[in-house]
């Protein structure tokens, strides 16, 4: 954890992408217009570091319990442009609590959050 704050910008970007690929998700609720990108972590110091790194990419976030939350559309758009999820990374449609019940990429879900009109049955 000591290396990342002093790493080059591209390394910090890759660190954030790896964090959100592994511990993050995008949540989209069209009915209630409540969407967000979240990343889970029990280590509070790590959450503080993630928040600081996101702010360097002009992404505002907040820490809620054991997660970092990006909830404003502008910040989710900046997240998509600057960090995003890795390509070919899918939500698990077989999870008991899956609301999608189909294979959907985290990137596609993030696009749907930012531009709901892109919500076409795919």
C-alpha atoms as a PDB file:
ATOM      1  CA  UNK A   1       0.000   0.000   0.000  1.00  0.00           C
ATOM      2  CA  UNK A   2       3.005   2.298   0.362  1.00  0.00           C
ATOM      3  CA  UNK A   3       3.903   2.073  -3.312  1.00  0.00           C
ATOM      4  CA  UNK A   4       0.602   3.086  -4.915  1.00  0.00           C
ATOM      5  CA  UNK A   5       0.308   6.704  -3.643  1.00  0.00           C
ATOM      6  CA  UNK A   6       3.708   7.476  -5.179  1.00  0.00           C
ATOM      7  CA  UNK A   7       3.257   5.438  -8.346  1.00  0.00           C
ATOM      8  CA  UNK A   8       2.894   6.972 -11.801  1.00  0.00           C
ATOM      9  CA  UNK A   9      -0.590   7.995 -12.950  1.00  0.00           C
ATOM     10  CA  UNK A  10      -1.020   5.005 -15.256  1.00  0.00           C
ATOM     11  CA  UNK A  11      -0.084   2.593 -12.459  1.00  0.00           C
ATOM     12  CA  UNK A  12      -2.598   4.247 -10.115  1.00  0.00           C
ATOM     13  CA  UNK A  13      -5.248   3.946 -12.861  1.00  0.00           C
ATOM     14  CA  UNK A  14      -4.479   0.228 -13.290  1.00  0.00           C
ATOM     15  CA  UNK A  15      -4.586  -0.278  -9.530  1.00  0.00           C
ATOM     16  CA  UNK A  16      -8.057   1.286  -9.393  1.00  0.00           C
ATOM     17  CA  UNK A  17      -9.252  -0.758 -12.375  1.00  0.00           C
ATOM     18  CA  UNK A  18      -8.007  -3.972 -10.750  1.00  0.00           C
ATOM     19  CA  UNK A  19      -9.699  -3.020  -7.472  1.00  0.00           C
ATOM     20  CA  UNK A  20     -13.063  -2.342  -9.136  1.00  0.00           C
ATOM     21  CA  UNK A  21     -12.765  -5.405 -11.384  1.00  0.00           C
ATOM     22  CA  UNK A  22     -12.321  -7.602  -8.333  1.00  0.00           C
ATOM     23  CA  UNK A  23     -14.282  -5.860  -5.589  1.00  0.00           C
ATOM     24  CA  UNK A  24     -16.578  -3.549  -7.514  1.00  0.00           C
ATOM     25  CA  UNK A  25     -19.918  -3.562  -9.194  1.00  0.00           C
ATOM     26  CA  UNK A  26     -22.315  -1.274 -10.963  1.00  0.00           C
ATOM     27  CA  UNK A  27     -25.896  -1.097  -9.763  1.00  0.00           C
ATOM     28  CA  UNK A  28     -28.697   0.102 -12.015  1.00  0.00           C
ATOM     29  CA  UNK A  29     -32.290   0.542 -10.883  1.00  0.00           C
ATOM     30  CA  UNK A  30     -34.318   2.126 -13.691  1.00  0.00           C
ATOM     31  CA  UNK A  31     -37.530   2.154 -11.677  1.00  0.00           C
ATOM     32  CA  UNK A  32     -36.137   4.130  -8.720  1.00  0.00           C
ATOM     33  CA  UNK A  33     -33.440   6.037 -10.626  1.00  0.00           C
ATOM     34  CA  UNK A  34     -30.899   4.947  -8.081  1.00  0.00           C
ATOM     35  CA  UNK A  35     -27.604   3.934  -9.641  1.00  0.00           C
ATOM     36  CA  UNK A  36     -24.048   3.720  -8.387  1.00  0.00           C
ATOM     37  CA  UNK A  37     -20.646   2.131  -8.727  1.00  0.00           C
ATOM     38  CA  UNK A  38     -19.390   0.468  -5.555  1.00  0.00           C
ATOM     39  CA  UNK A  39     -16.239  -1.229  -4.372  1.00  0.00           C
ATOM     40  CA  UNK A  40     -16.076  -3.320  -1.207  1.00  0.00           C
ATOM     41  CA  UNK A  41     -13.160  -3.374   1.208  1.00  0.00           C
ATOM     42  CA  UNK A  42     -12.956  -4.025   4.952  1.00  0.00           C
ATOM     43  CA  UNK A  43      -9.671  -2.153   5.364  1.00  0.00           C
ATOM     44  CA  UNK A  44     -10.611   1.476   6.087  1.00  0.00           C
ATOM     45  CA  UNK A  45      -7.135   2.732   5.149  1.00  0.00           C
ATOM     46  CA  UNK A  46      -7.523   1.133   1.728  1.00  0.00           C
ATOM     47  CA  UNK A  47     -10.900   2.821   1.239  1.00  0.00           C
ATOM     48  CA  UNK A  48      -9.361   6.186   2.122  1.00  0.00           C
ATOM     49  CA  UNK A  49      -6.574   5.537  -0.401  1.00  0.00           C
ATOM     50  CA  UNK A  50      -9.091   4.535  -3.103  1.00  0.00           C
ATOM     51  CA  UNK A  51     -11.081   7.724  -2.433  1.00  0.00           C
ATOM     52  CA  UNK A  52      -7.935   9.844  -2.726  1.00  0.00           C
ATOM     53  CA  UNK A  53      -6.860   8.147  -5.949  1.00  0.00           C
ATOM     54  CA  UNK A  54     -10.320   8.572  -7.471  1.00  0.00           C
ATOM     55  CA  UNK A  55     -10.246  12.288  -6.652  1.00  0.00           C
ATOM     56  CA  UNK A  56      -6.985  12.569  -8.626  1.00  0.00           C
ATOM     57  CA  UNK A  57      -9.014  11.453 -11.663  1.00  0.00           C
ATOM     58  CA  UNK A  58     -11.755  14.008 -10.853  1.00  0.00           C
ATOM     59  CA  UNK A  59     -14.111  11.330  -9.523  1.00  0.00           C
ATOM     60  CA  UNK A  60     -15.965  12.240  -6.348  1.00  0.00           C
ATOM     61  CA  UNK A  61     -16.802   9.342  -4.054  1.00  0.00           C
ATOM     62  CA  UNK A  62     -17.807   8.646  -0.490  1.00  0.00           C
ATOM     63  CA  UNK A  63     -17.047   5.953   2.010  1.00  0.00           C
ATOM     64  CA  UNK A  64     -20.054   4.135   3.442  1.00  0.00           C
ATOM     65  CA  UNK A  65     -19.357   1.364   5.927  1.00  0.00           C
ATOM     66  CA  UNK A  66     -17.129  -1.117   4.060  1.00  0.00           C
ATOM     67  CA  UNK A  67     -17.452   0.328   0.587  1.00  0.00           C
ATOM     68  CA  UNK A  68     -16.499   3.206  -1.656  1.00  0.00           C
ATOM     69  CA  UNK A  69     -19.498   4.630  -3.527  1.00  0.00           C
ATOM     70  CA  UNK A  70     -19.637   6.703  -6.699  1.00  0.00           C
ATOM     71  CA  UNK A  71     -23.208   7.899  -7.138  1.00  0.00           C
ATOM     72  CA  UNK A  72     -23.328  11.113  -9.156  1.00  0.00           C
ATOM     73  CA  UNK A  73     -23.819  10.643 -12.879  1.00  0.00           C
ATOM     74  CA  UNK A  74     -20.981  13.059 -13.673  1.00  0.00           C
ATOM     75  CA  UNK A  75     -18.604  11.050 -11.488  1.00  0.00           C
ATOM     76  CA  UNK A  76     -19.739   7.721 -12.933  1.00  0.00           C
ATOM     77  CA  UNK A  77     -19.088   9.153 -16.405  1.00  0.00           C
ATOM     78  CA  UNK A  78     -15.591  10.241 -15.304  1.00  0.00           C
ATOM     79  CA  UNK A  79     -15.086   6.763 -13.838  1.00  0.00           C
ATOM     80  CA  UNK A  80     -16.030   5.223 -17.189  1.00  0.00           C
ATOM     81  CA  UNK A  81     -13.660   7.533 -19.099  1.00  0.00           C
ATOM     82  CA  UNK A  82     -10.710   7.329 -16.696  1.00  0.00           C
ATOM     83  CA  UNK A  83     -10.876   3.906 -15.009  1.00  0.00           C
ATOM     84  CA  UNK A  84     -13.755   1.721 -16.208  1.00  0.00           C
ATOM     85  CA  UNK A  85     -14.021  -2.020 -15.745  1.00  0.00           C
ATOM     86  CA  UNK A  86     -11.855  -4.360 -17.802  1.00  0.00           C
ATOM     87  CA  UNK A  87     -13.300  -5.644 -21.046  1.00  0.00           C
ATOM     88  CA  UNK A  88     -14.965  -9.069 -21.002  1.00  0.00           C
ATOM     89  CA  UNK A  89     -15.774  -8.898 -17.291  1.00  0.00           C
ATOM     90  CA  UNK A  90     -19.311 -10.153 -16.659  1.00  0.00           C
ATOM     91  CA  UNK A  91     -21.775 -10.252 -13.799  1.00  0.00           C
ATOM     92  CA  UNK A  92     -22.714 -13.729 -12.673  1.00  0.00           C
ATOM     93  CA  UNK A  93     -26.292 -14.360 -13.867  1.00  0.00           C
ATOM     94  CA  UNK A  94     -26.533 -17.531 -11.747  1.00  0.00           C
ATOM     95  CA  UNK A  95     -26.170 -15.768  -8.402  1.00  0.00           C
ATOM     96  CA  UNK A  96     -29.180 -16.202  -6.192  1.00  0.00           C
ATOM     97  CA  UNK A  97     -29.675 -12.439  -5.859  1.00  0.00           C
ATOM     98  CA  UNK A  98     -28.936 -11.585  -9.503  1.00  0.00           C
ATOM     99  CA  UNK A  99     -31.472  -9.122 -10.881  1.00  0.00           C
ATOM    100  CA  UNK A 100     -30.310  -9.585 -14.483  1.00  0.00           C
ATOM    101  CA  UNK A 101     -30.640 -13.353 -14.897  1.00  0.00           C
ATOM    102  CA  UNK A 102     -28.511 -13.027 -18.024  1.00  0.00           C
ATOM    103  CA  UNK A 103     -24.872 -12.508 -18.812  1.00  0.00           C
ATOM    104  CA  UNK A 104     -24.080  -8.792 -18.921  1.00  0.00           C
ATOM    105  CA  UNK A 105     -20.717  -7.058 -18.806  1.00  0.00           C
ATOM    106  CA  UNK A 106     -19.903  -4.571 -16.084  1.00  0.00           C
ATOM    107  CA  UNK A 107     -18.980  -2.088 -18.825  1.00  0.00           C
ATOM    108  CA  UNK A 108     -22.373  -2.490 -20.519  1.00  0.00           C
ATOM    109  CA  UNK A 109     -24.140  -1.996 -17.205  1.00  0.00           C
ATOM    110  CA  UNK A 110     -22.129   1.163 -16.545  1.00  0.00           C
ATOM    111  CA  UNK A 111     -23.070   2.441 -20.020  1.00  0.00           C
ATOM    112  CA  UNK A 112     -26.734   1.761 -19.236  1.00  0.00           C
ATOM    113  CA  UNK A 113     -26.430   3.777 -16.020  1.00  0.00           C
ATOM    114  CA  UNK A 114     -24.877   6.761 -17.741  1.00  0.00           C
ATOM    115  CA  UNK A 115     -27.046   6.638 -20.873  1.00  0.00           C
ATOM    116  CA  UNK A 116     -30.303   4.835 -20.047  1.00  0.00           C
ATOM    117  CA  UNK A 117     -31.403   5.194 -23.672  1.00  0.00           C
ATOM    118  CA  UNK A 118     -28.658   2.679 -24.493  1.00  0.00           C
ATOM    119  CA  UNK A 119     -30.741   0.109 -22.613  1.00  0.00           C
ATOM    120  CA  UNK A 120     -31.650  -2.080 -25.525  1.00  0.00           C
ATOM    121  CA  UNK A 121     -32.390  -5.727 -25.066  1.00  0.00           C
ATOM    122  CA  UNK A 122     -29.132  -7.436 -25.857  1.00  0.00           C
END
